[in-house]
Amino acid sequence: METPRPVVSRRPFCCTLKCFVKFLRLVVTVTSMIFFIVGQAPEPYIVITGFEVTVIFCFLVLYTCGLDKIMRSFFWPLLKRIHF
């Protein structure tokens, strides 16, 4: 006879504190990029900040859609450690 498994109800990623913190990081990075553009900073600063905005946005979309649980081809702990 099998023992019943407890049902774990998880909130969607968009309703968690982790999502709020990642979204806040995206807002801060976009704000810094805007300040770099307005302050006419050297072009590499703007490009690197733009790359960071793109990567953060892609991770937010990935986590919100739940693709991190579907895609097994990436080594997720390494990616999380490097960027987040």
PDB file of N, CA and C in Angstrom:
ATOM      1  N   MET A   1       0.838  -1.182   0.000  1.00  0.00           N
ATOM      2  CA  MET A   1       0.000   0.000   0.000  1.00  0.00           C
ATOM      3  C   MET A   1       0.885   1.248   0.000  1.00  0.00           C
ATOM      4  N   GLU A   2       0.582   2.154  -0.883  1.00  0.00           N
ATOM      5  CA  GLU A   2       1.387   3.370  -0.998  1.00  0.00           C
ATOM      6  C   GLU A   2       0.955   4.406   0.015  1.00  0.00           C
ATOM      7  N   THR A   3       1.919   5.122   0.508  1.00  0.00           N
ATOM      8  CA  THR A   3       1.594   6.217   1.419  1.00  0.00           C
ATOM      9  C   THR A   3       1.283   7.450   0.581  1.00  0.00           C
ATOM     10  N   PRO A   4       0.279   8.199   0.963  1.00  0.00           N
ATOM     11  CA  PRO A   4      -0.069   9.399   0.175  1.00  0.00           C
ATOM     12  C   PRO A   4       1.019  10.461   0.312  1.00  0.00           C
ATOM     13  N   ARG A   5       1.304  11.088  -0.798  1.00  0.00           N
ATOM     14  CA  ARG A   5       2.287  12.163  -0.800  1.00  0.00           C
ATOM     15  C   ARG A   5       1.592  13.467  -0.435  1.00  0.00           C
ATOM     16  N   PRO A   6       2.265  14.290   0.365  1.00  0.00           N
ATOM     17  CA  PRO A   6       1.649  15.584   0.689  1.00  0.00           C
ATOM     18  C   PRO A   6       1.618  16.482  -0.540  1.00  0.00           C
ATOM     19  N   VAL A   7       0.560  17.201  -0.676  1.00  0.00           N
ATOM     20  CA  VAL A   7       0.399  18.115  -1.806  1.00  0.00           C
ATOM     21  C   VAL A   7       1.083  19.435  -1.459  1.00  0.00           C
ATOM     22  N   VAL A   8       2.029  19.805  -2.289  1.00  0.00           N
ATOM     23  CA  VAL A   8       2.751  21.050  -2.074  1.00  0.00           C
ATOM     24  C   VAL A   8       2.201  22.083  -3.047  1.00  0.00           C
ATOM     25  N   SER A   9       1.581  23.090  -2.503  1.00  0.00           N
ATOM     26  CA  SER A   9       1.064  24.151  -3.374  1.00  0.00           C
ATOM     27  C   SER A   9       2.098  25.271  -3.424  1.00  0.00           C
ATOM     28  N   ARG A  10       2.545  25.558  -4.615  1.00  0.00           N
ATOM     29  CA  ARG A  10       3.532  26.614  -4.803  1.00  0.00           C
ATOM     30  C   ARG A  10       2.896  27.777  -5.520  1.00  0.00           C
ATOM     31  N   ARG A  11       3.297  28.943  -5.091  1.00  0.00           N
ATOM     32  CA  ARG A  11       2.813  30.135  -5.768  1.00  0.00           C
ATOM     33  C   ARG A  11       3.539  30.290  -7.101  1.00  0.00           C
ATOM     34  N   PRO A  12       2.896  30.890  -8.067  1.00  0.00           N
ATOM     35  CA  PRO A  12       3.594  31.153  -9.324  1.00  0.00           C
ATOM     36  C   PRO A  12       4.777  32.095  -9.075  1.00  0.00           C
ATOM     37  N   PHE A  13       5.777  32.014  -9.935  1.00  0.00           N
ATOM     38  CA  PHE A  13       6.996  32.791  -9.738  1.00  0.00           C
ATOM     39  C   PHE A  13       6.716  34.286  -9.672  1.00  0.00           C
ATOM     40  N   CYS A  14       5.741  34.755 -10.443  1.00  0.00           N
ATOM     41  CA  CYS A  14       5.483  36.196 -10.485  1.00  0.00           C
ATOM     42  C   CYS A  14       4.903  36.731  -9.177  1.00  0.00           C
ATOM     43  N   CYS A  15       4.500  35.856  -8.264  1.00  0.00           N
ATOM     44  CA  CYS A  15       3.931  36.282  -6.982  1.00  0.00           C
ATOM     45  C   CYS A  15       4.898  36.082  -5.816  1.00  0.00           C
ATOM     46  N   THR A  16       6.171  35.841  -6.095  1.00  0.00           N
ATOM     47  CA  THR A  16       7.120  35.571  -5.024  1.00  0.00           C
ATOM     48  C   THR A  16       8.023  36.768  -4.773  1.00  0.00           C
ATOM     49  N   LEU A  17       8.681  36.731  -3.640  1.00  0.00           N
ATOM     50  CA  LEU A  17       9.624  37.781  -3.286  1.00  0.00           C
ATOM     51  C   LEU A  17      10.826  37.757  -4.217  1.00  0.00           C
ATOM     52  N   LYS A  18      11.233  36.570  -4.640  1.00  0.00           N
ATOM     53  CA  LYS A  18      12.361  36.432  -5.557  1.00  0.00           C
ATOM     54  C   LYS A  18      12.094  37.166  -6.865  1.00  0.00           C
ATOM     55  N   CYS A  19      10.888  37.072  -7.374  1.00  0.00           N
ATOM     56  CA  CYS A  19      10.530  37.775  -8.606  1.00  0.00           C
ATOM     57  C   CYS A  19      10.565  39.290  -8.390  1.00  0.00           C
ATOM     58  N   PHE A  20      10.071  39.722  -7.242  1.00  0.00           N
ATOM     59  CA  PHE A  20      10.078  41.153  -6.947  1.00  0.00           C
ATOM     60  C   PHE A  20      11.508  41.687  -6.907  1.00  0.00           C
ATOM     61  N   VAL A  21      12.410  40.945  -6.289  1.00  0.00           N
ATOM     62  CA  VAL A  21      13.800  41.380  -6.199  1.00  0.00           C
ATOM     63  C   VAL A  21      14.450  41.405  -7.579  1.00  0.00           C
ATOM     64  N   LYS A  22      14.182  40.397  -8.402  1.00  0.00           N
ATOM     65  CA  LYS A  22      14.750  40.363  -9.753  1.00  0.00           C
ATOM     66  C   LYS A  22      14.174  41.482 -10.620  1.00  0.00           C
ATOM     67  N   PHE A  23      12.893  41.761 -10.462  1.00  0.00           N
ATOM     68  CA  PHE A  23      12.287  42.859 -11.208  1.00  0.00           C
ATOM     69  C   PHE A  23      12.862  44.201 -10.748  1.00  0.00           C
ATOM     70  N   LEU A  24      13.097  44.343  -9.442  1.00  0.00           N
ATOM     71  CA  LEU A  24      13.694  45.567  -8.917  1.00  0.00           C
ATOM     72  C   LEU A  24      15.104  45.751  -9.470  1.00  0.00           C
ATOM     73  N   ARG A  25      15.844  44.654  -9.592  1.00  0.00           N
ATOM     74  CA  ARG A  25      17.179  44.733 -10.180  1.00  0.00           C
ATOM     75  C   ARG A  25      17.098  45.182 -11.636  1.00  0.00           C
ATOM     76  N   LEU A  26      16.102  44.692 -12.371  1.00  0.00           N
ATOM     77  CA  LEU A  26      15.917  45.103 -13.750  1.00  0.00           C
ATOM     78  C   LEU A  26      15.632  46.603 -13.826  1.00  0.00           C
ATOM     79  N   VAL A  27      14.800  47.093 -12.944  1.00  0.00           N
ATOM     80  CA  VAL A  27      14.464  48.528 -12.936  1.00  0.00           C
ATOM     81  C   VAL A  27      15.704  49.369 -12.633  1.00  0.00           C
ATOM     82  N   VAL A  28      16.506  48.944 -11.667  1.00  0.00           N
ATOM     83  CA  VAL A  28      17.717  49.690 -11.318  1.00  0.00           C
ATOM     84  C   VAL A  28      18.704  49.680 -12.486  1.00  0.00           C
ATOM     85  N   THR A  29      18.829  48.563 -13.163  1.00  0.00           N
ATOM     86  CA  THR A  29      19.749  48.474 -14.288  1.00  0.00           C
ATOM     87  C   THR A  29      19.285  49.337 -15.457  1.00  0.00           C
ATOM     88  N   VAL A  30      17.991  49.326 -15.738  1.00  0.00           N
ATOM     89  CA  VAL A  30      17.465  50.183 -16.808  1.00  0.00           C
ATOM     90  C   VAL A  30      17.664  51.654 -16.447  1.00  0.00           C
ATOM     91  N   THR A  31      17.457  51.993 -15.192  1.00  0.00           N
ATOM     92  CA  THR A  31      17.660  53.377 -14.754  1.00  0.00           C
ATOM     93  C   THR A  31      19.117  53.788 -14.913  1.00  0.00           C
ATOM     94  N   SER A  32      20.031  52.911 -14.548  1.00  0.00           N
ATOM     95  CA  SER A  32      21.448  53.248 -14.717  1.00  0.00           C
ATOM     96  C   SER A  32      21.808  53.398 -16.186  1.00  0.00           C
ATOM     97  N   MET A  33      21.201  52.573 -17.060  1.00  0.00           N
ATOM     98  CA  MET A  33      21.472  52.711 -18.485  1.00  0.00           C
ATOM     99  C   MET A  33      20.954  54.055 -19.001  1.00  0.00           C
ATOM    100  N   ILE A  34      19.783  54.457 -18.535  1.00  0.00           N
ATOM    101  CA  ILE A  34      19.245  55.770 -18.938  1.00  0.00           C
ATOM    102  C   ILE A  34      20.169  56.891 -18.480  1.00  0.00           C
ATOM    103  N   PHE A  35      20.679  56.791 -17.248  1.00  0.00           N
ATOM    104  CA  PHE A  35      21.613  57.812 -16.756  1.00  0.00           C
ATOM    105  C   PHE A  35      22.916  57.819 -17.556  1.00  0.00           C
ATOM    106  N   PHE A  36      23.386  56.629 -17.958  1.00  0.00           N
ATOM    107  CA  PHE A  36      24.582  56.579 -18.795  1.00  0.00           C
ATOM    108  C   PHE A  36      24.339  57.263 -20.131  1.00  0.00           C
ATOM    109  N   ILE A  37      23.167  57.052 -20.715  1.00  0.00           N
ATOM    110  CA  ILE A  37      22.856  57.662 -22.009  1.00  0.00           C
ATOM    111  C   ILE A  37      22.725  59.170 -21.879  1.00  0.00           C
ATOM    112  N   VAL A  38      21.993  59.613 -20.856  1.00  0.00           N
ATOM    113  CA  VAL A  38      21.793  61.054 -20.665  1.00  0.00           C
ATOM    114  C   VAL A  38      23.104  61.750 -20.309  1.00  0.00           C
ATOM    115  N   GLY A  39      23.917  61.075 -19.490  1.00  0.00           N
ATOM    116  CA  GLY A  39      25.200  61.664 -19.079  1.00  0.00           C
ATOM    117  C   GLY A  39      26.293  61.511 -20.116  1.00  0.00           C
ATOM    118  N   GLN A  40      25.984  60.958 -21.269  1.00  0.00           N
ATOM    119  CA  GLN A  40      26.921  60.745 -22.368  1.00  0.00           C
ATOM    120  C   GLN A  40      28.178  60.025 -21.893  1.00  0.00           C
ATOM    121  N   ALA A  41      27.964  58.914 -21.194  1.00  0.00           N
ATOM    122  CA  ALA A  41      29.061  58.083 -20.722  1.00  0.00           C
ATOM    123  C   ALA A  41      29.711  57.381 -21.915  1.00  0.00           C
ATOM    124  N   PRO A  42      30.903  56.868 -21.711  1.00  0.00           N
ATOM    125  CA  PRO A  42      31.539  56.124 -22.815  1.00  0.00           C
ATOM    126  C   PRO A  42      30.655  54.971 -23.289  1.00  0.00           C
ATOM    127  N   GLU A  43      30.736  54.697 -24.574  1.00  0.00           N
ATOM    128  CA  GLU A  43      29.866  53.717 -25.198  1.00  0.00           C
ATOM    129  C   GLU A  43      29.952  52.314 -24.583  1.00  0.00           C
ATOM    130  N   PRO A  44      31.134  51.830 -24.167  1.00  0.00           N
ATOM    131  CA  PRO A  44      31.170  50.482 -23.563  1.00  0.00           C
ATOM    132  C   PRO A  44      30.302  50.355 -22.309  1.00  0.00           C
ATOM    133  N   TYR A  45      30.184  51.403 -21.520  1.00  0.00           N
ATOM    134  CA  TYR A  45      29.323  51.365 -20.329  1.00  0.00           C
ATOM    135  C   TYR A  45      27.866  51.132 -20.730  1.00  0.00           C
ATOM    136  N   ILE A  46      27.440  51.830 -21.771  1.00  0.00           N
ATOM    137  CA  ILE A  46      26.055  51.719 -22.218  1.00  0.00           C
ATOM    138  C   ILE A  46      25.799  50.332 -22.814  1.00  0.00           C
ATOM    139  N   VAL A  47      26.749  49.834 -23.594  1.00  0.00           N
ATOM    140  CA  VAL A  47      26.579  48.524 -24.224  1.00  0.00           C
ATOM    141  C   VAL A  47      26.538  47.413 -23.180  1.00  0.00           C
ATOM    142  N   ILE A  48      27.444  47.442 -22.211  1.00  0.00           N
ATOM    143  CA  ILE A  48      27.479  46.412 -21.175  1.00  0.00           C
ATOM    144  C   ILE A  48      26.219  46.452 -20.330  1.00  0.00           C
ATOM    145  N   THR A  49      25.743  47.644 -20.020  1.00  0.00           N
ATOM    146  CA  THR A  49      24.502  47.767 -19.252  1.00  0.00           C
ATOM    147  C   THR A  49      23.317  47.265 -20.072  1.00  0.00           C
ATOM    148  N   GLY A  50      23.324  47.521 -21.377  1.00  0.00           N
ATOM    149  CA  GLY A  50      22.271  46.999 -22.250  1.00  0.00           C
ATOM    150  C   GLY A  50      22.270  45.482 -22.301  1.00  0.00           C
ATOM    151  N   PHE A  51      23.464  44.881 -22.349  1.00  0.00           N
ATOM    152  CA  PHE A  51      23.559  43.415 -22.305  1.00  0.00           C
ATOM    153  C   PHE A  51      23.001  42.879 -20.993  1.00  0.00           C
ATOM    154  N   GLU A  52      23.326  43.543 -19.903  1.00  0.00           N
ATOM    155  CA  GLU A  52      22.835  43.086 -18.597  1.00  0.00           C
ATOM    156  C   GLU A  52      21.314  43.188 -18.518  1.00  0.00           C
ATOM    157  N   VAL A  53      20.748  44.259 -19.048  1.00  0.00           N
ATOM    158  CA  VAL A  53      19.288  44.408 -19.076  1.00  0.00           C
ATOM    159  C   VAL A  53      18.663  43.263 -19.879  1.00  0.00           C
ATOM    160  N   THR A  54      19.269  42.920 -21.011  1.00  0.00           N
ATOM    161  CA  THR A  54      18.753  41.841 -21.853  1.00  0.00           C
ATOM    162  C   THR A  54      18.789  40.503 -21.120  1.00  0.00           C
ATOM    163  N   VAL A  55      19.892  40.217 -20.455  1.00  0.00           N
ATOM    164  CA  VAL A  55      20.033  38.945 -19.744  1.00  0.00           C
ATOM    165  C   VAL A  55      19.045  38.857 -18.580  1.00  0.00           C
ATOM    166  N   ILE A  56      18.911  39.927 -17.812  1.00  0.00           N
ATOM    167  CA  ILE A  56      17.975  39.926 -16.684  1.00  0.00           C
ATOM    168  C   ILE A  56      16.545  39.731 -17.184  1.00  0.00           C
ATOM    169  N   PHE A  57      16.191  40.430 -18.272  1.00  0.00           N
ATOM    170  CA  PHE A  57      14.847  40.294 -18.829  1.00  0.00           C
ATOM    171  C   PHE A  57      14.596  38.870 -19.311  1.00  0.00           C
ATOM    172  N   CYS A  58      15.587  38.275 -19.971  1.00  0.00           N
ATOM    173  CA  CYS A  58      15.416  36.895 -20.456  1.00  0.00           C
ATOM    174  C   CYS A  58      15.235  35.924 -19.295  1.00  0.00           C
ATOM    175  N   PHE A  59      15.985  36.110 -18.216  1.00  0.00           N
ATOM    176  CA  PHE A  59      15.806  35.242 -17.054  1.00  0.00           C
ATOM    177  C   PHE A  59      14.433  35.426 -16.419  1.00  0.00           C
ATOM    178  N   LEU A  60      13.950  36.649 -16.351  1.00  0.00           N
ATOM    179  CA  LEU A  60      12.612  36.879 -15.796  1.00  0.00           C
ATOM    180  C   LEU A  60      11.546  36.176 -16.633  1.00  0.00           C
ATOM    181  N   VAL A  61      11.649  36.276 -17.950  1.00  0.00           N
ATOM    182  CA  VAL A  61      10.694  35.596 -18.824  1.00  0.00           C
ATOM    183  C   VAL A  61      10.809  34.088 -18.656  1.00  0.00           C
ATOM    184  N   LEU A  62      12.027  33.604 -18.576  1.00  0.00           N
ATOM    185  CA  LEU A  62      12.261  32.174 -18.429  1.00  0.00           C
ATOM    186  C   LEU A  62      11.635  31.642 -17.143  1.00  0.00           C
ATOM    187  N   TYR A  63      11.850  32.339 -16.034  1.00  0.00           N
ATOM    188  CA  TYR A  63      11.297  31.893 -14.748  1.00  0.00           C
ATOM    189  C   TYR A  63       9.783  32.057 -14.699  1.00  0.00           C
ATOM    190  N   THR A  64       9.276  33.139 -15.261  1.00  0.00           N
ATOM    191  CA  THR A  64       7.837  33.372 -15.225  1.00  0.00           C
ATOM    192  C   THR A  64       7.085  32.305 -16.027  1.00  0.00           C
ATOM    193  N   CYS A  65       7.640  31.902 -17.157  1.00  0.00           N
ATOM    194  CA  CYS A  65       6.996  30.866 -17.979  1.00  0.00           C
ATOM    195  C   CYS A  65       7.255  29.460 -17.461  1.00  0.00           C
ATOM    196  N   GLY A  66       8.145  29.324 -16.496  1.00  0.00           N
ATOM    197  CA  GLY A  66       8.446  28.009 -15.940  1.00  0.00           C
ATOM    198  C   GLY A  66       9.345  27.175 -16.833  1.00  0.00           C
ATOM    199  N   LEU A  67      10.059  27.820 -17.733  1.00  0.00           N
ATOM    200  CA  LEU A  67      10.912  27.082 -18.657  1.00  0.00           C
ATOM    201  C   LEU A  67      12.142  26.499 -17.981  1.00  0.00           C
ATOM    202  N   ASP A  68      12.503  27.010 -16.801  1.00  0.00           N
ATOM    203  CA  ASP A  68      13.664  26.463 -16.111  1.00  0.00           C
ATOM    204  C   ASP A  68      13.408  25.031 -15.636  1.00  0.00           C
ATOM    205  N   LYS A  69      12.148  24.674 -15.462  1.00  0.00           N
ATOM    206  CA  LYS A  69      11.800  23.306 -15.058  1.00  0.00           C
ATOM    207  C   LYS A  69      11.698  22.377 -16.274  1.00  0.00           C
ATOM    208  N   ILE A  70      11.445  22.945 -17.456  1.00  0.00           N
ATOM    209  CA  ILE A  70      11.290  22.147 -18.665  1.00  0.00           C
ATOM    210  C   ILE A  70      12.644  21.919 -19.355  1.00  0.00           C
ATOM    211  N   MET A  71      13.443  22.976 -19.445  1.00  0.00           N
ATOM    212  CA  MET A  71      14.713  22.890 -20.159  1.00  0.00           C
ATOM    213  C   MET A  71      15.768  22.267 -19.251  1.00  0.00           C
ATOM    214  N   ARG A  72      16.284  21.144 -19.638  1.00  0.00           N
ATOM    215  CA  ARG A  72      17.298  20.450 -18.835  1.00  0.00           C
ATOM    216  C   ARG A  72      18.684  20.540 -19.469  1.00  0.00           C
ATOM    217  N   SER A  73      18.835  21.277 -20.567  1.00  0.00           N
ATOM    218  CA  SER A  73      20.113  21.328 -21.260  1.00  0.00           C
ATOM    219  C   SER A  73      21.091  22.318 -20.639  1.00  0.00           C
ATOM    220  N   PHE A  74      20.632  23.166 -19.753  1.00  0.00           N
ATOM    221  CA  PHE A  74      21.505  24.130 -19.091  1.00  0.00           C
ATOM    222  C   PHE A  74      21.842  23.640 -17.695  1.00  0.00           C
ATOM    223  N   PHE A  75      23.001  24.042 -17.215  1.00  0.00           N
ATOM    224  CA  PHE A  75      23.375  23.742 -15.837  1.00  0.00           C
ATOM    225  C   PHE A  75      22.955  24.959 -15.009  1.00  0.00           C
ATOM    226  N   TRP A  76      21.727  24.936 -14.517  1.00  0.00           N
ATOM    227  CA  TRP A  76      21.108  26.095 -13.886  1.00  0.00           C
ATOM    228  C   TRP A  76      21.850  26.650 -12.667  1.00  0.00           C
ATOM    229  N   PRO A  77      22.382  25.821 -11.768  1.00  0.00           N
ATOM    230  CA  PRO A  77      23.082  26.415 -10.620  1.00  0.00           C
ATOM    231  C   PRO A  77      24.259  27.284 -11.045  1.00  0.00           C
ATOM    232  N   LEU A  78      24.952  26.888 -12.099  1.00  0.00           N
ATOM    233  CA  LEU A  78      26.064  27.697 -12.573  1.00  0.00           C
ATOM    234  C   LEU A  78      25.571  29.029 -13.127  1.00  0.00           C
ATOM    235  N   LEU A  79      24.493  28.993 -13.899  1.00  0.00           N
ATOM    236  CA  LEU A  79      23.952  30.236 -14.454  1.00  0.00           C
ATOM    237  C   LEU A  79      23.433  31.156 -13.357  1.00  0.00           C
ATOM    238  N   LYS A  80      22.776  30.594 -12.354  1.00  0.00           N
ATOM    239  CA  LYS A  80      22.257  31.418 -11.260  1.00  0.00           C
ATOM    240  C   LYS A  80      23.401  32.032 -10.465  1.00  0.00           C
ATOM    241  N   ARG A  81      24.468  31.261 -10.273  1.00  0.00           N
ATOM    242  CA  ARG A  81      25.590  31.764  -9.485  1.00  0.00           C
ATOM    243  C   ARG A  81      26.323  32.881 -10.233  1.00  0.00           C
ATOM    244  N   ILE A  82      26.478  32.737 -11.531  1.00  0.00           N
ATOM    245  CA  ILE A  82      27.219  33.734 -12.303  1.00  0.00           C
ATOM    246  C   ILE A  82      26.440  35.048 -12.362  1.00  0.00           C
ATOM    247  N   HIS A  83      25.180  34.990 -12.672  1.00  0.00           N
ATOM    248  CA  HIS A  83      24.463  36.238 -12.932  1.00  0.00           C
ATOM    249  C   HIS A  83      23.622  36.721 -11.771  1.00  0.00           C
ATOM    250  N   PHE A  84      22.992  35.826 -11.047  1.00  0.00           N
ATOM    251  CA  PHE A  84      22.109  36.272 -10.001  1.00  0.00           C
ATOM    252  C   PHE A  84      22.762  35.971  -8.700  1.00  0.00           C
TER     253      PHE A  84
END
